[in-house]
Amino acid sequence: MDKVRKTVLITGGTKGVGAEVARFFAKKGENLVLVARSQAGLDDMKRELQNQCELITVIADISDPAALSNIVNKAVAHFGCIDILVNNAGCHHRGEFSRLSAQQVAEMTQANFTAPLVLTRLCLPYLTRSKSAAVIMVASLAGMAPLQGAATYSATKAGLRAFSYALADELTQSNIKVGVVSPGPINTGFIMDNIDVVEDIVYSQPMSTAEDVAENIAKLCQPSSKTEIAMPYVSGKLATLGYLFPLFRKLSRPLLYRAGKKNKQKYRAH
């Protein structure tokens, strides 16, 4: 009997975590819908994965609400279903809030928070038809322990976590598993290509790989898994302490900044 392939929709599916999630599900032979802003990146992923699975690519800016409907329509028109949604795409304009433009604040809010919520809502009618569906949000430890120099980013990721837990409760009796992965720093271009402007404290924590995050996203798709995976493990516990006890976060910040500054110098040397 032929395997019934699931259709996996991944935003930000050409780089870093999104690309690794695509590779993971391609190895399983699932159908893929890869969404990104770069046609060149989408073409590269298609060439890489087309012999492992069936996939379509959609070029879109998820900060445009009209683009979100187009993504869903194309996915359903081609595959007839959506079984797994991975809201991975994100935006981070770094620096103190007062130095950001209003446009930059709007872009982060739209890409990191509004778009995942709207896309999830658009996918829900199709997810409910699946025997085993999942919606996975890619948040951040910054959503648990907010970072100065990343106020808007932290706020959007905190909102994404809150939404995930609330939606998980709403859908407890359904066939849809809701999960959220909250990573610390990930060894991708998202922070490594901008090392000079990323806050030193970010580098105080162990670096995860995109593959590590992708594996945890796959775990969260399982109906029996917990709602959230914060990673790495120790960093997740520290972030939880900072969230529960703001004074701990304040007092530990100078130490973490010093450690991060030293680690940043090591990364630069490599």
Protein backbone atom coordinates (compact mmCIF):
# COMPACT_ATOMS: atom_id res chain seq x y z
CA MET A 1 0.00 0.00 0.00
CA ASP A 2 1.41 3.39 -1.00
CA LYS A 3 2.25 5.82 1.77
CA VAL A 4 -0.18 8.72 2.17
CA ARG A 5 2.09 11.74 1.90
CA LYS A 6 1.53 14.75 4.10
CA THR A 7 1.74 18.27 2.72
CA VAL A 8 4.09 20.49 4.71
CA LEU A 9 3.98 24.27 4.26
CA ILE A 10 7.15 26.06 5.41
CA THR A 11 7.66 29.82 5.43
CA GLY A 12 11.22 31.04 5.15
CA GLY A 13 11.99 27.70 3.56
CA THR A 14 15.25 28.47 1.75
CA LYS A 15 17.73 29.30 4.51
CA GLY A 16 18.75 28.22 7.98
CA VAL A 17 16.08 26.47 10.00
CA GLY A 18 13.48 26.56 7.22
CA ALA A 19 15.81 24.85 4.77
CA GLU A 20 16.69 22.15 7.30
CA VAL A 21 13.02 21.52 8.06
CA ALA A 22 12.44 21.14 4.31
CA ARG A 23 15.32 18.67 4.05
CA PHE A 24 13.98 16.66 7.01
CA PHE A 25 10.52 16.22 5.52
CA ALA A 26 11.88 15.68 2.02
CA LYS A 27 13.78 12.65 3.32
CA LYS A 28 10.46 11.35 4.64
CA GLY A 29 9.00 11.75 1.15
CA GLU A 30 6.40 14.31 2.23
CA ASN A 31 5.02 16.95 -0.14
CA LEU A 32 6.51 20.41 0.37
CA VAL A 33 5.29 23.94 -0.14
CA LEU A 34 8.28 26.24 0.29
CA VAL A 35 7.69 29.96 0.74
CA ALA A 36 10.35 32.67 0.54
CA ARG A 37 11.02 36.11 -0.91
CA SER A 38 13.95 35.02 -3.08
CA GLN A 39 13.22 33.20 -6.33
CA ALA A 40 16.88 32.20 -6.56
CA GLY A 41 16.76 30.56 -3.13
CA LEU A 42 13.55 28.73 -3.98
CA ASP A 43 15.05 27.49 -7.24
CA ASP A 44 18.12 26.19 -5.38
CA MET A 45 15.95 24.26 -2.90
CA LYS A 46 13.83 22.83 -5.70
CA ARG A 47 16.89 21.54 -7.53
CA GLU A 48 18.21 20.01 -4.31
CA LEU A 49 15.02 18.28 -3.17
CA GLN A 50 12.96 17.52 -6.27
CA ASN A 51 14.30 13.96 -6.55
CA GLN A 52 13.31 13.19 -2.95
CA CYS A 53 9.76 14.52 -2.87
CA GLU A 54 7.15 16.50 -4.74
CA LEU A 55 7.32 20.19 -4.02
CA ILE A 56 6.13 23.56 -5.17
CA THR A 57 7.63 26.95 -4.41
CA VAL A 58 5.82 30.21 -3.77
CA ILE A 59 7.60 33.53 -3.87
CA ALA A 60 5.92 35.83 -1.35
CA ASP A 61 6.47 38.54 1.20
CA ILE A 62 4.52 37.30 4.22
CA SER A 63 4.21 40.85 5.53
CA ASP A 64 1.67 41.36 2.73
CA PRO A 65 -1.73 39.96 3.87
CA ALA A 66 -2.82 39.31 0.28
CA ALA A 67 0.23 37.13 -0.24
CA LEU A 68 -0.85 34.80 2.57
CA SER A 69 -4.12 33.88 0.85
CA ASN A 70 -2.20 33.26 -2.35
CA ILE A 71 0.17 30.85 -0.54
CA VAL A 72 -2.71 28.77 0.81
CA ASN A 73 -4.59 28.79 -2.48
CA LYS A 74 -1.55 27.57 -4.41
CA ALA A 75 -0.82 24.83 -1.87
CA VAL A 76 -4.38 23.50 -1.93
CA ALA A 77 -4.71 23.82 -5.70
CA HIS A 78 -1.62 21.67 -6.21
CA PHE A 79 -1.82 19.12 -3.38
CA GLY A 80 -5.44 19.32 -2.28
CA CYS A 81 -4.51 19.53 1.40
CA ILE A 82 -2.30 21.06 4.09
CA ASP A 83 -1.24 18.80 6.96
CA ILE A 84 1.64 20.63 8.64
CA LEU A 85 2.27 24.36 8.84
CA VAL A 86 5.69 25.60 10.01
CA ASN A 87 5.66 29.34 10.66
CA ASN A 88 9.39 29.89 10.46
CA ALA A 89 9.97 33.13 8.52
CA GLY A 90 11.03 36.09 10.63
CA CYS A 91 12.46 39.58 10.56
CA HIS A 92 14.80 41.32 12.98
CA HIS A 93 15.91 44.93 12.71
CA ARG A 94 18.45 45.21 15.51
CA GLY A 95 19.10 48.13 17.81
CA GLU A 96 17.45 50.18 20.51
CA PHE A 97 13.78 50.84 19.93
CA SER A 98 14.21 54.61 19.76
CA ARG A 99 16.64 54.23 16.85
CA LEU A 100 14.34 52.10 14.72
CA SER A 101 12.05 53.62 12.15
CA ALA A 102 8.30 53.18 12.40
CA GLN A 103 8.51 51.15 9.19
CA GLN A 104 11.04 48.75 10.74
CA VAL A 105 8.84 48.24 13.79
CA ALA A 106 5.86 47.54 11.52
CA GLU A 107 7.84 45.08 9.40
CA MET A 108 8.92 43.05 12.44
CA THR A 109 5.44 43.02 13.93
CA GLN A 110 3.88 41.96 10.64
CA ALA A 111 6.39 39.25 9.76
CA ASN A 112 6.97 37.78 13.22
CA PHE A 113 3.51 37.97 14.71
CA THR A 114 0.65 39.01 12.44
CA ALA A 115 1.59 36.82 9.48
CA PRO A 116 1.89 33.55 11.45
CA LEU A 117 -1.50 34.15 13.07
CA VAL A 118 -3.22 35.02 9.82
CA LEU A 119 -1.59 32.17 7.91
CA THR A 120 -2.60 29.72 10.64
CA ARG A 121 -6.19 30.93 10.42
CA LEU A 122 -6.20 30.54 6.64
CA CYS A 123 -4.82 27.00 6.92
CA LEU A 124 -7.20 25.83 9.69
CA PRO A 125 -10.03 24.65 7.40
CA TYR A 126 -7.58 22.35 5.61
CA LEU A 127 -5.72 21.24 8.73
CA THR A 128 -8.98 20.06 10.27
CA ARG A 129 -9.41 17.62 7.36
CA SER A 130 -6.10 15.94 8.08
CA LYS A 131 -6.00 12.84 10.27
CA SER A 132 -2.89 14.14 12.04
CA ALA A 133 -2.15 17.83 11.54
CA ALA A 134 0.29 20.21 13.18
CA VAL A 135 0.98 23.92 13.45
CA ILE A 136 4.49 24.78 14.63
CA MET A 137 5.68 28.27 15.53
CA VAL A 138 9.35 29.24 15.59
CA ALA A 139 9.67 31.63 18.52
CA SER A 140 12.80 32.45 20.55
CA LEU A 141 14.21 32.48 24.05
CA ALA A 142 13.99 36.26 23.62
CA GLY A 143 10.24 35.77 23.93
CA MET A 144 10.79 34.31 27.40
CA ALA A 145 13.56 36.62 28.64
CA PRO A 146 13.24 39.91 26.72
CA LEU A 147 16.45 41.47 25.43
CA GLN A 148 17.36 45.14 25.34
CA GLY A 149 18.30 46.07 21.81
CA ALA A 150 15.61 43.66 20.65
CA ALA A 151 12.47 45.05 22.26
CA THR A 152 10.15 44.62 19.28
CA TYR A 153 11.60 41.23 18.33
CA SER A 154 11.20 40.01 21.93
CA ALA A 155 7.63 41.28 22.03
CA THR A 156 6.64 39.52 18.82
CA LYS A 157 8.15 36.23 19.93
CA ALA A 158 6.49 36.49 23.35
CA GLY A 159 3.19 37.07 21.59
CA LEU A 160 3.79 34.07 19.37
CA ARG A 161 4.39 31.86 22.43
CA ALA A 162 1.23 33.12 24.13
CA PHE A 163 -0.80 32.51 20.98
CA SER A 164 0.61 28.99 20.62
CA TYR A 165 -0.35 27.97 24.16
CA ALA A 166 -3.83 29.48 23.84
CA LEU A 167 -4.44 27.85 20.46
CA ALA A 168 -3.16 24.53 21.75
CA ASP A 169 -5.77 24.68 24.51
CA GLU A 170 -8.51 25.61 22.05
CA LEU A 171 -7.63 22.69 19.78
CA THR A 172 -7.01 20.07 22.48
CA GLN A 173 -9.94 17.94 21.31
CA SER A 174 -9.07 18.29 17.63
CA ASN A 175 -6.72 16.46 15.31
CA ILE A 176 -4.38 19.46 15.20
CA LYS A 177 -1.23 19.53 17.34
CA VAL A 178 0.07 23.02 18.13
CA GLY A 179 3.70 23.46 19.14
CA VAL A 180 6.29 26.18 19.55
CA VAL A 181 10.07 25.88 19.49
CA SER A 182 11.99 28.59 21.34
CA PRO A 183 15.68 28.47 20.40
CA GLY A 184 18.52 30.53 21.71
CA PRO A 185 21.24 31.60 19.24
CA ILE A 186 21.40 29.48 16.10
CA ASN A 187 24.52 29.16 13.99
CA THR A 188 23.03 30.63 10.83
CA GLY A 189 23.42 33.82 8.85
CA PHE A 190 20.54 35.32 10.85
CA ILE A 191 23.01 36.25 13.59
CA MET A 192 26.44 35.25 12.30
CA ASP A 193 26.30 37.53 9.25
CA ASN A 194 25.43 40.45 11.54
CA ILE A 195 27.78 39.68 14.41
CA ASP A 196 28.85 43.31 14.89
CA VAL A 197 25.32 44.54 15.58
CA VAL A 198 23.94 41.56 17.51
CA GLU A 199 23.81 42.17 21.26
CA ASP A 200 26.78 40.58 23.10
CA ILE A 201 24.42 38.78 25.49
CA VAL A 202 23.11 36.64 22.63
CA TYR A 203 26.48 34.90 22.40
CA SER A 204 26.56 34.08 26.11
CA GLN A 205 24.48 30.98 25.40
CA PRO A 206 25.53 27.76 23.61
CA MET A 207 24.93 27.87 19.88
CA SER A 208 22.42 25.45 18.37
CA THR A 209 22.51 24.30 14.77
CA ALA A 210 19.69 24.67 12.28
CA GLU A 211 19.55 20.87 12.18
CA ASP A 212 18.96 20.77 15.97
CA VAL A 213 16.02 23.13 15.65
CA ALA A 214 14.57 21.22 12.68
CA GLU A 215 14.69 17.96 14.63
CA ASN A 216 12.78 19.55 17.50
CA ILE A 217 10.21 20.97 15.10
CA ALA A 218 9.66 17.45 13.80
CA LYS A 219 9.25 16.19 17.39
CA LEU A 220 6.66 18.85 18.10
CA CYS A 221 4.56 17.59 15.18
CA GLN A 222 3.88 14.38 17.11
CA PRO A 223 0.49 14.37 18.87
CA SER A 224 2.03 13.11 22.12
CA SER A 225 4.74 15.76 22.34
CA LYS A 226 4.64 18.73 24.69
CA THR A 227 3.61 22.17 23.52
CA GLU A 228 7.00 23.89 23.73
CA ILE A 229 10.65 22.97 23.39
CA ALA A 230 13.05 25.64 24.67
CA MET A 231 16.61 25.02 23.56
CA PRO A 232 19.37 24.44 24.42
CA TYR A 233 18.07 22.83 27.60
CA VAL A 234 20.10 24.85 30.14
CA SER A 235 19.49 28.11 28.28
CA GLY A 236 15.78 27.37 28.33
CA LYS A 237 15.88 26.93 32.10
CA LEU A 238 17.79 30.19 32.53
CA ALA A 239 15.28 32.00 30.33
CA THR A 240 12.43 30.59 32.42
CA LEU A 241 14.11 31.85 35.60
CA GLY A 242 14.51 35.28 34.02
CA TYR A 243 10.84 35.27 33.02
CA LEU A 244 9.61 34.23 36.46
CA PHE A 245 12.04 36.37 38.41
CA PRO A 246 12.81 39.67 36.62
CA LEU A 247 15.33 40.62 39.34
CA PHE A 248 17.37 37.50 38.51
CA ARG A 249 17.44 38.56 34.86
CA LYS A 250 18.55 42.07 35.81
CA LEU A 251 21.28 40.93 38.19
CA SER A 252 22.66 38.25 35.86
CA ARG A 253 22.75 40.50 32.79
CA PRO A 254 26.25 42.02 33.39
CA LEU A 255 27.77 38.55 33.77
CA LEU A 256 26.04 37.30 30.63
CA TYR A 257 27.17 40.34 28.65
CA ARG A 258 30.78 39.74 29.64
CA ALA A 259 30.58 36.08 28.69
CA GLY A 260 28.90 36.93 25.42
CA LYS A 261 31.54 39.51 24.53
CA LYS A 262 34.30 36.94 25.00
CA ASN A 263 32.45 34.37 22.92
CA LYS A 264 31.80 36.91 20.17
CA GLN A 265 35.54 37.53 19.89
CA LYS A 266 36.09 33.78 19.50
CA TYR A 267 33.49 33.56 16.74
CA ARG A 268 35.11 36.49 14.94
CA ALA A 269 38.49 34.75 15.12
CA HIS A 270 37.05 31.75 13.30
